[in-house]
Amino acid sequence: MDKMDGTVLVTGACGNVGRAVAAAFARRGARLALLDRDADQLRAAFGADTATQAGFACDLLDAEAVAATVGRVTAALGPIAVLCNIAGGFRMGEPVHATSDATWDFLMDINVRSVLHTARAVVPGMLAAGGGAIVNVGAAAAARGGAHMGAYAASKSAVARLTESMSAELRERGIHVNAVLPTIIDTPENRRDMPTADPARWVAPADLAEVIAFLASPAARAIHGASVPVSGLS
């Protein structure tokens, strides 16, 4: 396993995938900046801050708060070498013709606006440092719309297009930008909501985390603007 220098910023760190991603980078020796909305949840999930790992409570939908938090991260742990945009959400919605503003705004905010805000705050520092890596979490649903999933598919498709655009803008300046497209992730919530399904066919968070860590590593330096399917056995 390759060791990783530098600070890795993980959004949505308290979620199932966020915790798995944090563990994957911790095994590689990275310094970890763990972002989530609730300081108490961060402490419960990761314990007290250390010299190489710290939690930061932050509302990703507040651009000023994100910029301020990135400043705190850099002061505490050093320049950010890797940004993992793990925060996001899913919601089955109305049919497209009846989609409410609330559903549309919720999914576009949590899945797309959060990526824009972290990019604004983190990319300038990566450019100054001469490089870095960004990995966004999309979804297999981005490839094709489904019934009652129009807003969700649109939001994750937007993540894929932003990934491609960021890569086109930044690859010549040493920043690698890619995304992962998981199918159903094996989480307690999905097991509860789909009790008759076979979770052995889903994507384990630890497996998804390993793909994310690979895309953030020097071994993936030739991969740019890709949306990598991660489908488990499904």
Protein backbone atom coordinates (compact mmCIF):
# COMPACT_ATOMS: atom_id res chain seq x y z
CA MET A 1 0.00 0.00 0.00
CA ASP A 2 1.46 3.35 -1.07
CA LYS A 3 2.04 5.92 1.65
CA MET A 4 0.37 9.26 1.05
CA ASP A 5 1.86 12.57 2.09
CA GLY A 6 -0.19 15.69 2.62
CA THR A 7 -3.60 16.55 3.98
CA VAL A 8 -6.75 14.83 2.74
CA LEU A 9 -10.03 16.71 3.19
CA VAL A 10 -13.08 14.44 3.40
CA THR A 11 -16.58 15.93 3.32
CA GLY A 12 -19.50 13.96 4.72
CA ALA A 13 -16.97 12.26 6.97
CA CYS A 14 -19.50 10.87 9.47
CA GLY A 15 -21.43 8.93 6.84
CA ASN A 16 -20.83 5.30 5.98
CA VAL A 17 -18.67 6.06 2.97
CA GLY A 18 -16.97 9.02 4.66
CA ARG A 19 -15.82 6.87 7.56
CA ALA A 20 -14.53 4.21 5.17
CA VAL A 21 -12.65 6.80 3.12
CA ALA A 22 -11.11 8.29 6.26
CA ALA A 23 -9.95 4.82 7.32
CA ALA A 24 -8.46 4.11 3.89
CA PHE A 25 -6.39 7.29 3.91
CA ALA A 26 -5.42 6.84 7.57
CA ARG A 27 -3.90 3.47 6.64
CA ARG A 28 -1.83 5.31 4.05
CA GLY A 29 -0.47 7.75 6.59
CA ALA A 30 -2.28 10.85 5.37
CA ARG A 31 -3.22 13.77 7.56
CA LEU A 32 -7.00 13.93 7.73
CA ALA A 33 -9.36 16.89 7.77
CA LEU A 34 -12.80 15.45 8.46
CA LEU A 35 -15.77 17.69 7.65
CA ASP A 36 -19.38 17.18 8.65
CA ARG A 37 -22.18 19.37 9.90
CA ASP A 38 -22.19 18.30 13.56
CA ALA A 39 -19.19 18.59 15.87
CA ASP A 40 -20.63 16.06 18.33
CA GLN A 41 -21.05 13.47 15.59
CA LEU A 42 -17.49 14.06 14.46
CA ARG A 43 -16.19 13.46 17.97
CA ALA A 44 -18.34 10.35 18.33
CA ALA A 45 -17.13 8.93 15.03
CA PHE A 46 -13.44 9.86 15.21
CA GLY A 47 -12.59 10.79 18.78
CA ALA A 48 -10.49 13.71 19.90
CA ASP A 49 -8.38 15.67 17.42
CA THR A 50 -4.72 14.75 17.07
CA ALA A 51 -1.74 16.24 15.31
CA THR A 52 -2.62 14.28 12.16
CA GLN A 53 -6.42 14.11 12.27
CA ALA A 54 -9.02 16.75 13.10
CA GLY A 55 -12.75 17.21 12.73
CA PHE A 56 -14.28 20.42 11.44
CA ALA A 57 -17.99 21.20 11.71
CA CYS A 58 -19.09 22.96 8.54
CA ASP A 59 -22.24 23.60 6.53
CA LEU A 60 -21.19 22.87 2.95
CA LEU A 61 -24.05 24.99 1.63
CA ASP A 62 -22.57 28.10 3.23
CA ALA A 63 -19.80 29.24 0.88
CA GLU A 64 -18.25 31.60 3.42
CA ALA A 65 -18.22 28.89 6.07
CA VAL A 66 -16.53 26.47 3.67
CA ALA A 67 -13.84 29.01 2.80
CA ALA A 68 -13.23 29.76 6.48
CA THR A 69 -13.07 26.06 7.33
CA VAL A 70 -10.53 25.38 4.59
CA GLY A 71 -8.43 28.15 6.09
CA ARG A 72 -8.62 26.46 9.50
CA VAL A 73 -7.72 23.11 7.96
CA THR A 74 -4.64 24.54 6.28
CA ALA A 75 -3.54 26.28 9.45
CA ALA A 76 -3.95 23.12 11.53
CA LEU A 77 -2.80 20.38 9.15
CA GLY A 78 -1.04 22.02 6.23
CA PRO A 79 -1.96 22.45 2.56
CA ILE A 80 -4.72 20.25 1.18
CA ALA A 81 -3.34 17.70 -1.28
CA VAL A 82 -6.53 15.70 -1.80
CA LEU A 83 -10.20 16.70 -1.73
CA CYS A 84 -12.76 13.91 -1.46
CA ASN A 85 -16.29 15.20 -2.03
CA ILE A 86 -18.18 12.42 -0.27
CA ALA A 87 -21.10 14.46 1.08
CA GLY A 88 -24.31 13.92 -0.85
CA GLY A 89 -27.79 12.55 -0.63
CA PHE A 90 -30.50 10.50 -2.29
CA ARG A 91 -34.22 11.04 -2.44
CA MET A 92 -36.85 9.33 -4.52
CA GLY A 93 -38.98 12.13 -5.85
CA GLU A 94 -42.09 13.02 -7.70
CA PRO A 95 -42.47 12.47 -11.44
CA VAL A 96 -40.62 15.15 -13.34
CA HIS A 97 -43.78 17.10 -14.17
CA ALA A 98 -44.65 17.27 -10.49
CA THR A 99 -41.18 17.79 -9.05
CA SER A 100 -41.32 20.29 -6.21
CA ASP A 101 -38.86 23.11 -5.73
CA ALA A 102 -38.03 21.57 -2.36
CA THR A 103 -36.98 18.23 -3.89
CA TRP A 104 -35.03 19.88 -6.70
CA ASP A 105 -33.26 22.34 -4.41
CA PHE A 106 -32.42 19.70 -1.80
CA LEU A 107 -30.72 17.39 -4.30
CA MET A 108 -28.97 20.11 -6.27
CA ASP A 109 -27.72 21.69 -3.07
CA ILE A 110 -26.43 18.57 -1.34
CA ASN A 111 -25.00 16.91 -4.45
CA VAL A 112 -23.86 19.82 -6.64
CA ARG A 113 -23.61 23.09 -4.73
CA SER A 114 -21.49 21.38 -2.07
CA VAL A 115 -18.95 20.44 -4.77
CA LEU A 116 -18.88 23.98 -6.12
CA HIS A 117 -18.25 25.42 -2.68
CA THR A 118 -15.39 23.07 -1.84
CA ALA A 119 -13.84 23.60 -5.27
CA ARG A 120 -13.87 27.37 -4.81
CA ALA A 121 -12.20 27.04 -1.43
CA VAL A 122 -9.65 24.29 -2.16
CA VAL A 123 -8.53 24.63 -5.78
CA PRO A 124 -6.66 27.96 -5.38
CA GLY A 125 -4.43 26.37 -2.74
CA MET A 126 -3.76 23.35 -4.95
CA LEU A 127 -2.84 25.65 -7.83
CA ALA A 128 -0.44 27.54 -5.59
CA ALA A 129 1.11 24.25 -4.46
CA GLY A 130 1.47 23.01 -8.03
CA GLY A 131 -0.93 20.08 -7.90
CA GLY A 132 -3.39 17.89 -6.07
CA ALA A 133 -6.23 15.45 -6.57
CA ILE A 134 -10.01 15.75 -6.36
CA VAL A 135 -12.39 12.79 -6.26
CA ASN A 136 -16.13 13.39 -6.47
CA VAL A 137 -18.84 10.87 -5.68
CA GLY A 138 -21.41 10.58 -8.42
CA ALA A 139 -23.76 7.66 -8.94
CA ALA A 140 -24.51 5.02 -11.52
CA ALA A 141 -27.95 6.64 -11.75
CA ALA A 142 -26.29 9.61 -13.47
CA ALA A 143 -25.98 7.58 -16.66
CA ARG A 144 -29.71 7.18 -17.24
CA GLY A 145 -32.82 8.75 -15.79
CA GLY A 146 -35.34 6.56 -14.02
CA ALA A 147 -38.93 6.98 -12.94
CA HIS A 148 -39.29 9.20 -9.88
CA MET A 149 -35.53 9.80 -9.94
CA GLY A 150 -35.31 12.72 -12.35
CA ALA A 151 -33.99 15.27 -9.87
CA TYR A 152 -31.52 12.83 -8.34
CA ALA A 153 -30.23 11.65 -11.72
CA ALA A 154 -29.91 15.25 -12.87
CA SER A 155 -27.92 16.22 -9.79
CA LYS A 156 -25.50 13.32 -10.11
CA SER A 157 -25.18 13.89 -13.85
CA ALA A 158 -24.20 17.46 -12.99
CA VAL A 159 -21.44 16.09 -10.74
CA ALA A 160 -20.09 14.06 -13.66
CA ARG A 161 -20.11 17.09 -15.97
CA LEU A 162 -18.44 19.27 -13.34
CA THR A 163 -15.80 16.58 -12.91
CA GLU A 164 -15.08 16.61 -16.63
CA SER A 165 -14.98 20.40 -16.80
CA MET A 166 -12.73 20.72 -13.76
CA SER A 167 -10.38 18.14 -15.22
CA ALA A 168 -10.21 19.99 -18.53
CA GLU A 169 -9.41 23.21 -16.68
CA LEU A 170 -6.94 21.84 -14.15
CA ARG A 171 -5.12 18.81 -15.56
CA GLU A 172 -2.42 20.90 -17.22
CA ARG A 173 -1.72 22.46 -13.84
CA GLY A 174 -1.13 19.22 -11.98
CA ILE A 175 -4.58 18.66 -10.48
CA HIS A 176 -6.23 15.33 -11.21
CA VAL A 177 -10.04 15.38 -11.05
CA ASN A 178 -12.10 12.20 -11.29
CA ALA A 179 -15.33 10.71 -9.96
CA VAL A 180 -16.70 7.37 -8.86
CA LEU A 181 -20.13 6.09 -9.87
CA PRO A 182 -21.29 3.53 -7.30
CA THR A 183 -24.42 1.48 -7.61
CA ILE A 184 -26.27 0.60 -4.37
CA ILE A 185 -23.94 0.92 -1.38
CA ASP A 186 -24.18 -1.62 1.42
CA THR A 187 -25.25 0.57 4.33
CA PRO A 188 -27.51 -0.12 7.31
CA GLU A 189 -30.01 2.34 5.87
CA ASN A 190 -30.19 0.56 2.50
CA ARG A 191 -30.53 -2.82 4.21
CA ARG A 192 -33.42 -1.44 6.22
CA ASP A 193 -35.13 0.12 3.20
CA MET A 194 -34.64 -2.93 0.94
CA PRO A 195 -35.04 -5.93 3.26
CA THR A 196 -35.61 -8.46 0.46
CA ALA A 197 -32.54 -7.46 -1.58
CA ASP A 198 -29.20 -9.28 -1.47
CA PRO A 199 -26.63 -6.85 -0.01
CA ALA A 200 -23.81 -9.19 -1.03
CA ARG A 201 -24.32 -7.81 -4.53
CA TRP A 202 -23.97 -4.20 -3.43
CA VAL A 203 -20.85 -2.04 -3.07
CA ALA A 204 -19.14 -2.28 0.29
CA PRO A 205 -18.09 1.15 1.59
CA ALA A 206 -14.55 -0.11 2.18
CA ASP A 207 -14.28 -1.25 -1.44
CA LEU A 208 -15.53 2.10 -2.72
CA ALA A 209 -13.04 3.83 -0.44
CA GLU A 210 -10.17 1.87 -1.96
CA VAL A 211 -11.14 3.05 -5.44
CA ILE A 212 -11.32 6.64 -4.20
CA ALA A 213 -7.90 6.33 -2.56
CA PHE A 214 -6.45 4.91 -5.78
CA LEU A 215 -7.81 7.81 -7.85
CA ALA A 216 -6.21 10.23 -5.40
CA SER A 217 -2.83 8.50 -5.59
CA PRO A 218 0.14 9.03 -7.91
CA ALA A 219 -0.67 5.66 -9.47
CA ALA A 220 -3.72 7.31 -11.09
CA ARG A 221 -1.77 10.25 -12.52
CA ALA A 222 -2.75 9.27 -16.09
CA ILE A 223 -6.50 9.29 -15.32
CA HIS A 224 -8.30 12.59 -15.89
CA GLY A 225 -11.99 13.49 -15.92
CA ALA A 226 -13.12 9.88 -15.60
CA SER A 227 -16.33 8.68 -14.01
CA VAL A 228 -15.37 5.23 -12.78
CA PRO A 229 -18.19 2.69 -12.31
CA VAL A 230 -18.06 0.83 -8.99
CA SER A 231 -20.74 -1.79 -9.15
CA GLY A 232 -19.90 -4.57 -6.71
CA LEU A 233 -21.57 -7.76 -7.91
CA SER A 234 -24.78 -6.06 -9.05
